[in-house]
Amino acid sequence: MAQTIQVKRGTRAELSTYGALKAGEMGFCTDTKEIYIGDGTTNSMVGRALSGPEASRPAAASVGRLYYVSSGSNSGYLYFDDGAAWRRVNAQKLTDLAGSLDDVADGSTYAKVLKADITAGHPNKVSDGTNTKTAAEIATHINDAAKHRTINDSGSAITDLWSAQKIKNEIELAKHNIEPQASVKDQHLATPPSSPAEADRYIIPSGATGVWAGKTNQIAEYASGAWAYYVPAVGWTAYVDDEQKIYSWNGSTWVRTGGALQTITAGNGLTGGGQADSVTLTVGAGNGIVVGSTSVAAKPGKGILVNTTGIEASIDNDSIVYDAANGNRLAVGTIDGGTF
């Protein structure tokens, strides 16, 4: 039969009543699972730390005991028995610590902010190491209209600044006066093209159909997948691509005002010419040439006749004859000296 050796044992309270174990004597507390060895005067606990809920912690009485709170209130804390009280030996939150931020040294990346430079939790100064300004000084500088332009869409002073919307509107108004000066592809196309290219322009003729209906004489521009329309003002000018001519709006219709520049030079018998809006050519009259308002004619006289047949010589076919057989010449015929 195997032998069993048992050490002295009993509850923790019974060990306290028993007193000091003999030198080298071991005692086991059956309720707290503590192991003690005596030296004849005191009992010293050995073995693992006590653990459990804080409410189950035994009363402090044995120096050196450790108790770990494993559940419930204050779970995670470790206590040391100093013989009179349990002392917490670890920290889990800032409130467990003593001291203040003043005891924390600045790091290589982060550092503290002076309390004097904090107002209601916010820094009240900005510094680049050389220049230091307070929040009040910065606000005063930013709000100074003499130093910084302010948004004022109705103003035009040097300290005013227009909003993005105002600038966009002004650009659009300017475009209405500038863009129509560019070219249009056609001014006789009545049906909107089915596949226009971005920025294509047309002068809309009368009788236009589809989305152009009712917009006669307006300039249509294709932009971002839709047609935009501009009502012309007097003086607007557009170059018509397919005609290579320039047209201007006179208030009621588009009239041609220019095309390819050509110089007209007068030839023989003509004077005048030039390159102006009106070009005058003059036929030189005189020496048998008569110039009327719509015609140029030969002046009859001295045996020359001008009739529906043309210009003829008046001959008697006797003394002067017409010789068709010999080159259509006039020749001398019979010369009669006459009678007394």
C-alpha atoms as a PDB file:
ATOM      1  CA  MET A   1       0.000   0.000   0.000  1.00  0.00           C
ATOM      2  CA  ALA A   2       1.376   3.485  -1.039  1.00  0.00           C
ATOM      3  CA  GLN A   3       2.216   5.888   1.773  1.00  0.00           C
ATOM      4  CA  THR A   4       0.831   9.470   1.866  1.00  0.00           C
ATOM      5  CA  ILE A   5       2.626  12.313   3.582  1.00  0.00           C
ATOM      6  CA  GLN A   6       0.367  15.220   4.532  1.00  0.00           C
ATOM      7  CA  VAL A   7       1.577  18.626   5.790  1.00  0.00           C
ATOM      8  CA  LYS A   8      -0.126  20.572   8.540  1.00  0.00           C
ATOM      9  CA  ARG A   9      -3.371  22.013   7.168  1.00  0.00           C
ATOM     10  CA  GLY A  10      -6.463  23.967   8.047  1.00  0.00           C
ATOM     11  CA  THR A  11      -8.240  27.220   7.271  1.00  0.00           C
ATOM     12  CA  ARG A  12      -6.494  30.568   7.167  1.00  0.00           C
ATOM     13  CA  ALA A  13      -8.218  31.578  10.365  1.00  0.00           C
ATOM     14  CA  GLU A  14      -7.084  28.388  12.061  1.00  0.00           C
ATOM     15  CA  LEU A  15      -3.468  29.110  11.022  1.00  0.00           C
ATOM     16  CA  SER A  16      -3.718  32.558  12.556  1.00  0.00           C
ATOM     17  CA  THR A  17      -4.973  30.992  15.820  1.00  0.00           C
ATOM     18  CA  TYR A  18      -2.265  28.359  15.689  1.00  0.00           C
ATOM     19  CA  GLY A  19       0.457  30.964  15.442  1.00  0.00           C
ATOM     20  CA  ALA A  20       3.990  30.540  14.113  1.00  0.00           C
ATOM     21  CA  LEU A  21       4.971  27.286  12.506  1.00  0.00           C
ATOM     22  CA  LYS A  22       8.177  25.661  13.664  1.00  0.00           C
ATOM     23  CA  ALA A  23      11.309  26.370  11.637  1.00  0.00           C
ATOM     24  CA  GLY A  24      10.925  24.559   8.320  1.00  0.00           C
ATOM     25  CA  GLU A  25       7.370  23.464   9.111  1.00  0.00           C
ATOM     26  CA  MET A  26       4.898  23.814   6.201  1.00  0.00           C
ATOM     27  CA  GLY A  27       1.235  24.673   6.494  1.00  0.00           C
ATOM     28  CA  PHE A  28      -1.510  24.644   3.840  1.00  0.00           C
ATOM     29  CA  CYS A  29      -4.650  26.840   4.081  1.00  0.00           C
ATOM     30  CA  THR A  30      -7.488  24.761   2.697  1.00  0.00           C
ATOM     31  CA  ASP A  31      -9.771  27.752   2.080  1.00  0.00           C
ATOM     32  CA  THR A  32      -7.337  30.224   0.427  1.00  0.00           C
ATOM     33  CA  LYS A  33      -5.014  27.613  -1.089  1.00  0.00           C
ATOM     34  CA  GLU A  34      -2.038  29.423   0.486  1.00  0.00           C
ATOM     35  CA  ILE A  35       1.160  27.660   1.507  1.00  0.00           C
ATOM     36  CA  TYR A  36       3.225  28.947   4.441  1.00  0.00           C
ATOM     37  CA  ILE A  37       6.608  27.963   5.913  1.00  0.00           C
ATOM     38  CA  GLY A  38       7.443  28.950   9.432  1.00  0.00           C
ATOM     39  CA  ASP A  39      10.728  29.996  11.044  1.00  0.00           C
ATOM     40  CA  GLY A  40       9.519  29.585  14.647  1.00  0.00           C
ATOM     41  CA  THR A  41       8.587  33.282  14.842  1.00  0.00           C
ATOM     42  CA  THR A  42       6.567  34.175  11.705  1.00  0.00           C
ATOM     43  CA  ASN A  43       4.914  32.405   8.827  1.00  0.00           C
ATOM     44  CA  SER A  44       6.011  33.304   5.254  1.00  0.00           C
ATOM     45  CA  MET A  45       3.694  32.581   2.356  1.00  0.00           C
ATOM     46  CA  VAL A  46       5.075  30.745  -0.671  1.00  0.00           C
ATOM     47  CA  GLY A  47       3.487  29.607  -3.961  1.00  0.00           C
ATOM     48  CA  ARG A  48       1.158  31.311  -6.466  1.00  0.00           C
ATOM     49  CA  ALA A  49      -0.642  34.606  -5.942  1.00  0.00           C
ATOM     50  CA  LEU A  50      -4.180  34.550  -4.670  1.00  0.00           C
ATOM     51  CA  SER A  51      -6.879  35.436  -7.224  1.00  0.00           C
ATOM     52  CA  GLY A  52     -10.590  35.856  -7.557  1.00  0.00           C
ATOM     53  CA  PRO A  53     -13.193  38.636  -7.196  1.00  0.00           C
ATOM     54  CA  GLU A  54     -12.104  41.572  -5.077  1.00  0.00           C
ATOM     55  CA  ALA A  55     -14.913  40.841  -2.616  1.00  0.00           C
ATOM     56  CA  SER A  56     -13.360  37.408  -1.950  1.00  0.00           C
ATOM     57  CA  ARG A  57      -9.990  38.845  -1.026  1.00  0.00           C
ATOM     58  CA  PRO A  58      -8.993  37.768   2.513  1.00  0.00           C
ATOM     59  CA  ALA A  59      -8.244  40.334   5.145  1.00  0.00           C
ATOM     60  CA  ALA A  60      -4.736  41.718   5.061  1.00  0.00           C
ATOM     61  CA  ALA A  61      -2.648  39.952   7.680  1.00  0.00           C
ATOM     62  CA  SER A  62       0.378  38.289   6.064  1.00  0.00           C
ATOM     63  CA  VAL A  63       3.166  40.430   4.634  1.00  0.00           C
ATOM     64  CA  GLY A  64       4.162  39.421   1.119  1.00  0.00           C
ATOM     65  CA  ARG A  65       0.914  37.960  -0.123  1.00  0.00           C
ATOM     66  CA  LEU A  66      -0.271  38.966  -3.631  1.00  0.00           C
ATOM     67  CA  TYR A  67      -3.889  38.991  -4.731  1.00  0.00           C
ATOM     68  CA  TYR A  68      -4.963  39.370  -8.394  1.00  0.00           C
ATOM     69  CA  VAL A  69      -8.555  40.524  -9.078  1.00  0.00           C
ATOM     70  CA  SER A  70      -9.628  38.251 -11.947  1.00  0.00           C
ATOM     71  CA  SER A  71     -13.258  39.338 -12.345  1.00  0.00           C
ATOM     72  CA  GLY A  72     -15.855  41.859 -11.295  1.00  0.00           C
ATOM     73  CA  SER A  73     -15.048  45.284  -9.889  1.00  0.00           C
ATOM     74  CA  ASN A  74     -11.414  46.418 -10.401  1.00  0.00           C
ATOM     75  CA  SER A  75     -10.640  43.382 -12.552  1.00  0.00           C
ATOM     76  CA  GLY A  76      -6.975  43.413 -13.611  1.00  0.00           C
ATOM     77  CA  TYR A  77      -5.571  45.019 -10.487  1.00  0.00           C
ATOM     78  CA  LEU A  78      -2.820  43.336  -8.412  1.00  0.00           C
ATOM     79  CA  TYR A  79      -2.609  43.945  -4.640  1.00  0.00           C
ATOM     80  CA  PHE A  80       0.193  43.415  -2.064  1.00  0.00           C
ATOM     81  CA  ASP A  81      -0.512  42.525   1.566  1.00  0.00           C
ATOM     82  CA  ASP A  82       1.702  44.623   3.862  1.00  0.00           C
ATOM     83  CA  GLY A  83       0.288  42.956   6.959  1.00  0.00           C
ATOM     84  CA  ALA A  84      -2.153  45.760   7.671  1.00  0.00           C
ATOM     85  CA  ALA A  85      -3.755  46.584   4.300  1.00  0.00           C
ATOM     86  CA  TRP A  86      -3.837  45.533   0.669  1.00  0.00           C
ATOM     87  CA  ARG A  87      -1.778  47.934  -1.486  1.00  0.00           C
ATOM     88  CA  ARG A  88      -2.426  48.201  -5.236  1.00  0.00           C
ATOM     89  CA  VAL A  89       0.810  47.671  -7.160  1.00  0.00           C
ATOM     90  CA  ASN A  90      -0.216  48.238 -10.809  1.00  0.00           C
ATOM     91  CA  ALA A  91      -2.031  50.998 -12.748  1.00  0.00           C
ATOM     92  CA  GLN A  92      -4.628  50.669 -15.478  1.00  0.00           C
ATOM     93  CA  LYS A  93      -5.807  54.294 -16.022  1.00  0.00           C
ATOM     94  CA  LEU A  94      -4.493  57.812 -15.632  1.00  0.00           C
ATOM     95  CA  THR A  95      -6.382  58.339 -12.379  1.00  0.00           C
ATOM     96  CA  ASP A  96      -4.224  55.587 -10.846  1.00  0.00           C
ATOM     97  CA  LEU A  97      -1.126  57.715 -11.396  1.00  0.00           C
ATOM     98  CA  ALA A  98       0.285  60.603  -9.420  1.00  0.00           C
ATOM     99  CA  GLY A  99       1.952  63.739 -10.834  1.00  0.00           C
ATOM    100  CA  SER A 100       0.970  65.875 -13.845  1.00  0.00           C
ATOM    101  CA  LEU A 101       1.960  66.647 -17.443  1.00  0.00           C
ATOM    102  CA  ASP A 102       4.739  68.757 -16.020  1.00  0.00           C
ATOM    103  CA  ASP A 103       6.450  65.483 -15.102  1.00  0.00           C
ATOM    104  CA  VAL A 104       6.349  64.270 -18.754  1.00  0.00           C
ATOM    105  CA  ALA A 105       9.391  65.174 -20.856  1.00  0.00           C
ATOM    106  CA  ASP A 106       9.097  66.444 -24.459  1.00  0.00           C
ATOM    107  CA  GLY A 107       9.734  63.793 -27.075  1.00  0.00           C
ATOM    108  CA  SER A 108      11.613  63.985 -30.360  1.00  0.00           C
ATOM    109  CA  THR A 109       8.359  64.182 -32.347  1.00  0.00           C
ATOM    110  CA  TYR A 110       5.738  65.539 -29.920  1.00  0.00           C
ATOM    111  CA  ALA A 111       5.990  68.080 -27.126  1.00  0.00           C
ATOM    112  CA  LYS A 112       3.861  69.862 -24.553  1.00  0.00           C
ATOM    113  CA  VAL A 113       2.097  73.196 -25.024  1.00  0.00           C
ATOM    114  CA  LEU A 114       2.469  75.860 -22.369  1.00  0.00           C
ATOM    115  CA  LYS A 115      -0.636  76.186 -20.213  1.00  0.00           C
ATOM    116  CA  ALA A 116      -0.421  79.970 -20.566  1.00  0.00           C
ATOM    117  CA  ASP A 117      -0.817  79.526 -24.350  1.00  0.00           C
ATOM    118  CA  ILE A 118      -4.055  77.534 -23.990  1.00  0.00           C
ATOM    119  CA  THR A 119      -7.476  79.180 -23.715  1.00  0.00           C
ATOM    120  CA  ALA A 120     -10.568  77.019 -23.248  1.00  0.00           C
ATOM    121  CA  GLY A 121      -8.652  74.032 -24.605  1.00  0.00           C
ATOM    122  CA  HIS A 122      -7.379  75.843 -27.729  1.00  0.00           C
ATOM    123  CA  PRO A 123      -3.916  77.278 -28.488  1.00  0.00           C
ATOM    124  CA  ASN A 124      -4.066  81.065 -28.382  1.00  0.00           C
ATOM    125  CA  LYS A 125      -0.694  81.700 -30.077  1.00  0.00           C
ATOM    126  CA  VAL A 126       1.069  80.698 -33.268  1.00  0.00           C
ATOM    127  CA  SER A 127       4.854  80.722 -33.589  1.00  0.00           C
ATOM    128  CA  ASP A 128       7.385  79.746 -36.235  1.00  0.00           C
ATOM    129  CA  GLY A 129      10.218  79.996 -33.756  1.00  0.00           C
ATOM    130  CA  THR A 130      10.940  83.604 -34.640  1.00  0.00           C
ATOM    131  CA  ASN A 131       7.558  85.282 -34.932  1.00  0.00           C
ATOM    132  CA  THR A 132       4.911  84.740 -32.279  1.00  0.00           C
ATOM    133  CA  LYS A 133       1.389  86.091 -32.722  1.00  0.00           C
ATOM    134  CA  THR A 134      -1.693  85.765 -30.555  1.00  0.00           C
ATOM    135  CA  ALA A 135      -5.071  84.680 -31.916  1.00  0.00           C
ATOM    136  CA  ALA A 136      -6.332  88.239 -31.400  1.00  0.00           C
ATOM    137  CA  GLU A 137      -3.468  89.673 -33.462  1.00  0.00           C
ATOM    138  CA  ILE A 138      -4.065  87.159 -36.249  1.00  0.00           C
ATOM    139  CA  ALA A 139      -7.813  87.891 -36.315  1.00  0.00           C
ATOM    140  CA  THR A 140      -7.181  91.636 -36.453  1.00  0.00           C
ATOM    141  CA  HIS A 141      -4.790  91.173 -39.356  1.00  0.00           C
ATOM    142  CA  ILE A 142      -7.118  88.882 -41.334  1.00  0.00           C
ATOM    143  CA  ASN A 143     -10.145  91.152 -40.807  1.00  0.00           C
ATOM    144  CA  ASP A 144      -8.295  94.284 -41.920  1.00  0.00           C
ATOM    145  CA  ALA A 145      -9.923  95.173 -45.271  1.00  0.00           C
ATOM    146  CA  ALA A 146      -7.053  97.522 -46.048  1.00  0.00           C
ATOM    147  CA  LYS A 147      -4.721  94.528 -46.081  1.00  0.00           C
ATOM    148  CA  HIS A 148      -7.003  91.833 -47.443  1.00  0.00           C
ATOM    149  CA  ARG A 149      -9.660  92.030 -50.143  1.00  0.00           C
ATOM    150  CA  THR A 150     -13.156  91.079 -49.020  1.00  0.00           C
ATOM    151  CA  ILE A 151     -15.942  89.457 -51.031  1.00  0.00           C
ATOM    152  CA  ASN A 152     -18.113  92.236 -52.465  1.00  0.00           C
ATOM    153  CA  ASP A 153     -19.852  91.387 -55.730  1.00  0.00           C
ATOM    154  CA  SER A 154     -21.299  94.887 -56.074  1.00  0.00           C
ATOM    155  CA  GLY A 155     -18.057  96.743 -55.413  1.00  0.00           C
ATOM    156  CA  SER A 156     -15.108  97.635 -57.623  1.00  0.00           C
ATOM    157  CA  ALA A 157     -12.586  99.014 -55.123  1.00  0.00           C
ATOM    158  CA  ILE A 158      -9.075  97.582 -54.981  1.00  0.00           C
ATOM    159  CA  THR A 159      -9.895  95.911 -51.648  1.00  0.00           C
ATOM    160  CA  ASP A 160     -13.040  94.200 -53.023  1.00  0.00           C
ATOM    161  CA  LEU A 161     -12.971  90.628 -54.255  1.00  0.00           C
ATOM    162  CA  TRP A 162     -15.653  89.135 -56.489  1.00  0.00           C
ATOM    163  CA  SER A 163     -16.998  85.663 -55.795  1.00  0.00           C
ATOM    164  CA  ALA A 164     -16.465  82.808 -58.259  1.00  0.00           C
ATOM    165  CA  GLN A 165     -20.142  83.050 -59.286  1.00  0.00           C
ATOM    166  CA  LYS A 166     -19.826  86.772 -60.007  1.00  0.00           C
ATOM    167  CA  ILE A 167     -16.685  86.190 -62.094  1.00  0.00           C
ATOM    168  CA  LYS A 168     -18.409  83.387 -64.018  1.00  0.00           C
ATOM    169  CA  ASN A 169     -21.382  85.649 -64.797  1.00  0.00           C
ATOM    170  CA  GLU A 170     -19.105  88.412 -66.040  1.00  0.00           C
ATOM    171  CA  ILE A 171     -17.239  85.972 -68.274  1.00  0.00           C
ATOM    172  CA  GLU A 172     -20.524  84.691 -69.720  1.00  0.00           C
ATOM    173  CA  LEU A 173     -21.640  88.262 -70.461  1.00  0.00           C
ATOM    174  CA  ALA A 174     -18.320  88.939 -72.132  1.00  0.00           C
ATOM    175  CA  LYS A 175     -18.656  85.744 -74.180  1.00  0.00           C
ATOM    176  CA  HIS A 176     -22.002  86.954 -75.517  1.00  0.00           C
ATOM    177  CA  ASN A 177     -20.198  89.906 -77.084  1.00  0.00           C
ATOM    178  CA  ILE A 178     -17.045  88.061 -78.157  1.00  0.00           C
ATOM    179  CA  GLU A 179     -17.992  84.558 -79.273  1.00  0.00           C
ATOM    180  CA  PRO A 180     -20.436  85.608 -82.021  1.00  0.00           C
ATOM    181  CA  GLN A 181     -17.556  87.507 -83.665  1.00  0.00           C
ATOM    182  CA  ALA A 182     -16.112  84.089 -84.522  1.00  0.00           C
ATOM    183  CA  SER A 183     -17.202  82.004 -87.479  1.00  0.00           C
ATOM    184  CA  VAL A 184     -20.456  80.196 -88.150  1.00  0.00           C
ATOM    185  CA  LYS A 185     -20.619  77.143 -90.387  1.00  0.00           C
ATOM    186  CA  ASP A 186     -23.763  78.067 -92.317  1.00  0.00           C
ATOM    187  CA  GLN A 187     -26.595  80.580 -92.361  1.00  0.00           C
ATOM    188  CA  HIS A 188     -29.064  78.686 -94.535  1.00  0.00           C
ATOM    189  CA  LEU A 189     -29.308  75.334 -92.708  1.00  0.00           C
ATOM    190  CA  ALA A 190     -32.917  75.064 -91.538  1.00  0.00           C
ATOM    191  CA  THR A 191     -32.657  71.673 -89.802  1.00  0.00           C
ATOM    192  CA  PRO A 192     -30.294  71.306 -86.824  1.00  0.00           C
ATOM    193  CA  PRO A 193     -27.446  68.880 -87.662  1.00  0.00           C
ATOM    194  CA  SER A 194     -27.851  65.427 -86.138  1.00  0.00           C
ATOM    195  CA  SER A 195     -24.242  65.082 -84.965  1.00  0.00           C
ATOM    196  CA  PRO A 196     -22.808  68.541 -84.302  1.00  0.00           C
ATOM    197  CA  ALA A 197     -19.294  68.978 -82.945  1.00  0.00           C
ATOM    198  CA  GLU A 198     -18.532  70.883 -79.750  1.00  0.00           C
ATOM    199  CA  ALA A 199     -18.547  74.693 -80.367  1.00  0.00           C
ATOM    200  CA  ASP A 200     -20.186  74.431 -83.837  1.00  0.00           C
ATOM    201  CA  ARG A 201     -22.149  77.638 -84.612  1.00  0.00           C
ATOM    202  CA  TYR A 202     -24.914  78.449 -87.067  1.00  0.00           C
ATOM    203  CA  ILE A 203     -26.986  81.504 -87.965  1.00  0.00           C
ATOM    204  CA  ILE A 204     -30.571  80.233 -87.814  1.00  0.00           C
ATOM    205  CA  PRO A 205     -32.550  81.089 -90.987  1.00  0.00           C
ATOM    206  CA  SER A 206     -36.286  81.727 -91.166  1.00  0.00           C
ATOM    207  CA  GLY A 207     -38.404  78.588 -91.299  1.00  0.00           C
ATOM    208  CA  ALA A 208     -35.983  76.574 -89.156  1.00  0.00           C
ATOM    209  CA  THR A 209     -37.327  73.348 -87.644  1.00  0.00           C
ATOM    210  CA  GLY A 210     -36.780  71.261 -84.511  1.00  0.00           C
ATOM    211  CA  VAL A 211     -35.175  72.981 -81.556  1.00  0.00           C
ATOM    212  CA  TRP A 212     -34.236  75.903 -83.816  1.00  0.00           C
ATOM    213  CA  ALA A 213     -37.874  76.748 -84.596  1.00  0.00           C
ATOM    214  CA  GLY A 214     -38.820  80.296 -83.651  1.00  0.00           C
ATOM    215  CA  LYS A 215     -35.195  81.448 -83.238  1.00  0.00           C
ATOM    216  CA  THR A 216     -34.695  83.143 -86.611  1.00  0.00           C
ATOM    217  CA  ASN A 217     -31.481  85.184 -86.971  1.00  0.00           C
ATOM    218  CA  GLN A 218     -30.125  83.994 -83.612  1.00  0.00           C
ATOM    219  CA  ILE A 219     -26.697  82.350 -83.371  1.00  0.00           C
ATOM    220  CA  ALA A 220     -26.894  78.726 -82.185  1.00  0.00           C
ATOM    221  CA  GLU A 221     -23.825  77.247 -80.496  1.00  0.00           C
ATOM    222  CA  TYR A 222     -23.494  73.561 -79.570  1.00  0.00           C
ATOM    223  CA  ALA A 223     -21.949  73.251 -76.092  1.00  0.00           C
ATOM    224  CA  SER A 224     -21.900  70.326 -73.645  1.00  0.00           C
ATOM    225  CA  GLY A 225     -24.538  68.336 -75.512  1.00  0.00           C
ATOM    226  CA  ALA A 226     -27.085  71.159 -75.951  1.00  0.00           C
ATOM    227  CA  TRP A 227     -27.718  74.223 -78.113  1.00  0.00           C
ATOM    228  CA  ALA A 228     -27.151  77.681 -76.629  1.00  0.00           C
ATOM    229  CA  TYR A 229     -28.707  80.678 -78.373  1.00  0.00           C
ATOM    230  CA  TYR A 230     -27.481  84.261 -78.685  1.00  0.00           C
ATOM    231  CA  VAL A 231     -29.744  87.095 -79.807  1.00  0.00           C
ATOM    232  CA  PRO A 232     -27.585  89.357 -81.999  1.00  0.00           C
ATOM    233  CA  ALA A 233     -27.009  93.020 -81.200  1.00  0.00           C
ATOM    234  CA  VAL A 234     -26.297  95.686 -83.810  1.00  0.00           C
ATOM    235  CA  GLY A 235     -22.696  95.391 -84.910  1.00  0.00           C
ATOM    236  CA  TRP A 236     -22.229  91.695 -84.263  1.00  0.00           C
ATOM    237  CA  THR A 237     -20.137  90.171 -87.042  1.00  0.00           C
ATOM    238  CA  ALA A 238     -19.697  86.563 -88.116  1.00  0.00           C
ATOM    239  CA  TYR A 239     -17.609  84.863 -90.770  1.00  0.00           C
ATOM    240  CA  VAL A 240     -19.712  82.292 -92.693  1.00  0.00           C
ATOM    241  CA  ASP A 241     -17.471  79.318 -93.399  1.00  0.00           C
ATOM    242  CA  ASP A 242     -19.211  77.806 -96.410  1.00  0.00           C
ATOM    243  CA  GLU A 243     -19.441  81.179 -98.195  1.00  0.00           C
ATOM    244  CA  GLN A 244     -16.114  82.642 -97.076  1.00  0.00           C
ATOM    245  CA  LYS A 245     -17.908  85.921 -96.537  1.00  0.00           C
ATOM    246  CA  ILE A 246     -18.397  88.205 -93.528  1.00  0.00           C
ATOM    247  CA  TYR A 247     -21.891  89.214 -92.394  1.00  0.00           C
ATOM    248  CA  SER A 248     -22.982  91.801 -89.819  1.00  0.00           C
ATOM    249  CA  TRP A 249     -26.269  92.274 -87.979  1.00  0.00           C
ATOM    250  CA  ASN A 250     -27.839  95.680 -88.750  1.00  0.00           C
ATOM    251  CA  GLY A 251     -30.719  95.331 -86.335  1.00  0.00           C
ATOM    252  CA  SER A 252     -33.103  93.529 -88.667  1.00  0.00           C
ATOM    253  CA  THR A 253     -31.084  91.240 -90.913  1.00  0.00           C
ATOM    254  CA  TRP A 254     -27.624  89.797 -91.514  1.00  0.00           C
ATOM    255  CA  VAL A 255     -25.986  91.740 -94.350  1.00  0.00           C
ATOM    256  CA  ARG A 256     -22.772  90.960 -96.149  1.00  0.00           C
ATOM    257  CA  THR A 257     -20.053  93.367 -95.141  1.00  0.00           C
ATOM    258  CA  GLY A 258     -16.970  91.786 -96.595  1.00  0.00           C
ATOM    259  CA  GLY A 259     -15.423  88.947 -98.496  1.00  0.00           C
ATOM    260  CA  ALA A 260     -12.176  88.157-100.218  1.00  0.00           C
ATOM    261  CA  LEU A 261     -10.337  91.444-100.825  1.00  0.00           C
ATOM    262  CA  GLN A 262      -9.973  92.266-104.555  1.00  0.00           C
ATOM    263  CA  THR A 263      -8.391  95.237-106.301  1.00  0.00           C
ATOM    264  CA  ILE A 264     -10.165  96.540-109.425  1.00  0.00           C
ATOM    265  CA  THR A 265      -7.865  98.236-111.932  1.00  0.00           C
ATOM    266  CA  ALA A 266      -9.241 100.168-114.919  1.00  0.00           C
ATOM    267  CA  GLY A 267      -8.141  99.032-118.372  1.00  0.00           C
ATOM    268  CA  ASN A 268      -7.735 100.843-121.728  1.00  0.00           C
ATOM    269  CA  GLY A 269     -10.467 103.370-122.255  1.00  0.00           C
ATOM    270  CA  LEU A 270     -11.500 103.257-118.577  1.00  0.00           C
ATOM    271  CA  THR A 271     -10.597 105.398-115.581  1.00  0.00           C
ATOM    272  CA  GLY A 272     -11.149 104.863-111.830  1.00  0.00           C
ATOM    273  CA  GLY A 273     -11.101 101.599-109.839  1.00  0.00           C
ATOM    274  CA  GLY A 274      -9.774 100.953-106.326  1.00  0.00           C
ATOM    275  CA  GLN A 275     -10.696  98.791-103.357  1.00  0.00           C
ATOM    276  CA  ALA A 276     -13.308 100.781-101.438  1.00  0.00           C
ATOM    277  CA  ASP A 277     -16.900  99.870-100.650  1.00  0.00           C
ATOM    278  CA  SER A 278     -17.930 101.610-103.888  1.00  0.00           C
ATOM    279  CA  VAL A 279     -15.800 101.190-107.001  1.00  0.00           C
ATOM    280  CA  THR A 280     -16.332 103.581-109.953  1.00  0.00           C
ATOM    281  CA  LEU A 281     -15.135 102.901-113.496  1.00  0.00           C
ATOM    282  CA  THR A 282     -15.511 105.672-116.108  1.00  0.00           C
ATOM    283  CA  VAL A 283     -15.528 105.143-119.909  1.00  0.00           C
ATOM    284  CA  GLY A 284     -13.695 107.899-121.763  1.00  0.00           C
ATOM    285  CA  ALA A 285     -16.040 109.681-124.244  1.00  0.00           C
ATOM    286  CA  GLY A 286     -15.106 111.822-127.303  1.00  0.00           C
ATOM    287  CA  ASN A 287     -13.710 111.390-130.784  1.00  0.00           C
ATOM    288  CA  GLY A 288     -16.858 109.782-132.128  1.00  0.00           C
ATOM    289  CA  ILE A 289     -17.705 107.818-128.931  1.00  0.00           C
ATOM    290  CA  VAL A 290     -20.887 108.710-127.031  1.00  0.00           C
ATOM    291  CA  VAL A 291     -21.314 107.475-123.425  1.00  0.00           C
ATOM    292  CA  GLY A 292     -24.850 107.286-122.090  1.00  0.00           C
ATOM    293  CA  SER A 293     -26.119 106.290-118.612  1.00  0.00           C
ATOM    294  CA  THR A 294     -26.397 102.645-119.651  1.00  0.00           C
ATOM    295  CA  SER A 295     -24.705 102.420-123.044  1.00  0.00           C
ATOM    296  CA  VAL A 296     -21.686 103.263-125.154  1.00  0.00           C
ATOM    297  CA  ALA A 297     -22.280 104.165-128.835  1.00  0.00           C
ATOM    298  CA  ALA A 298     -20.491 105.501-131.934  1.00  0.00           C
ATOM    299  CA  LYS A 299     -21.414 109.018-133.075  1.00  0.00           C
ATOM    300  CA  PRO A 300     -22.600 109.187-136.757  1.00  0.00           C
ATOM    301  CA  GLY A 301     -21.394 111.867-139.114  1.00  0.00           C
ATOM    302  CA  LYS A 302     -19.457 112.681-142.326  1.00  0.00           C
ATOM    303  CA  GLY A 303     -20.668 109.677-144.309  1.00  0.00           C
ATOM    304  CA  ILE A 304     -20.776 107.268-141.301  1.00  0.00           C
ATOM    305  CA  LEU A 305     -24.179 105.873-140.319  1.00  0.00           C
ATOM    306  CA  VAL A 306     -25.112 104.126-137.020  1.00  0.00           C
ATOM    307  CA  ASN A 307     -28.309 102.082-137.231  1.00  0.00           C
ATOM    308  CA  THR A 308     -29.747  98.732-136.225  1.00  0.00           C
ATOM    309  CA  THR A 309     -27.406  96.997-138.650  1.00  0.00           C
ATOM    310  CA  GLY A 310     -24.301  98.501-137.115  1.00  0.00           C
ATOM    311  CA  ILE A 311     -21.871 101.154-138.228  1.00  0.00           C
ATOM    312  CA  GLU A 312     -22.007 101.693-142.024  1.00  0.00           C
ATOM    313  CA  ALA A 313     -20.321 103.973-144.595  1.00  0.00           C
ATOM    314  CA  SER A 314     -22.742 105.897-146.841  1.00  0.00           C
ATOM    315  CA  ILE A 315     -21.661 105.055-150.468  1.00  0.00           C
ATOM    316  CA  ASP A 316     -23.347 105.500-153.900  1.00  0.00           C
ATOM    317  CA  ASN A 317     -22.000 102.247-155.354  1.00  0.00           C
ATOM    318  CA  ASP A 318     -20.956 104.286-158.337  1.00  0.00           C
ATOM    319  CA  SER A 319     -18.025 106.503-157.545  1.00  0.00           C
ATOM    320  CA  ILE A 320     -17.421 104.474-154.309  1.00  0.00           C
ATOM    321  CA  VAL A 321     -18.227 100.758-154.350  1.00  0.00           C
ATOM    322  CA  TYR A 322     -18.191  97.941-151.734  1.00  0.00           C
ATOM    323  CA  ASP A 323     -15.836  95.195-152.920  1.00  0.00           C
ATOM    324  CA  ALA A 324     -16.814  92.066-150.961  1.00  0.00           C
ATOM    325  CA  ALA A 325     -14.754  89.807-153.191  1.00  0.00           C
ATOM    326  CA  ASN A 326     -11.523  91.542-152.311  1.00  0.00           C
ATOM    327  CA  GLY A 327     -11.535  91.653-148.550  1.00  0.00           C
ATOM    328  CA  ASN A 328     -14.669  93.674-147.968  1.00  0.00           C
ATOM    329  CA  ARG A 329     -12.973  96.841-149.082  1.00  0.00           C
ATOM    330  CA  LEU A 330     -14.286 100.160-150.261  1.00  0.00           C
ATOM    331  CA  ALA A 331     -12.936 100.985-153.707  1.00  0.00           C
ATOM    332  CA  VAL A 332     -13.107 103.868-156.173  1.00  0.00           C
ATOM    333  CA  GLY A 333     -15.615 103.181-158.921  1.00  0.00           C
ATOM    334  CA  THR A 334     -16.479 105.395-161.921  1.00  0.00           C
ATOM    335  CA  ILE A 335     -15.358 108.964-161.558  1.00  0.00           C
ATOM    336  CA  ASP A 336     -17.584 111.260-163.572  1.00  0.00           C
ATOM    337  CA  GLY A 337     -16.528 114.828-163.999  1.00  0.00           C
ATOM    338  CA  GLY A 338     -20.136 115.758-164.754  1.00  0.00           C
ATOM    339  CA  THR A 339     -21.512 118.192-167.459  1.00  0.00           C
ATOM    340  CA  PHE A 340     -21.446 121.886-167.988  1.00  0.00           C
END
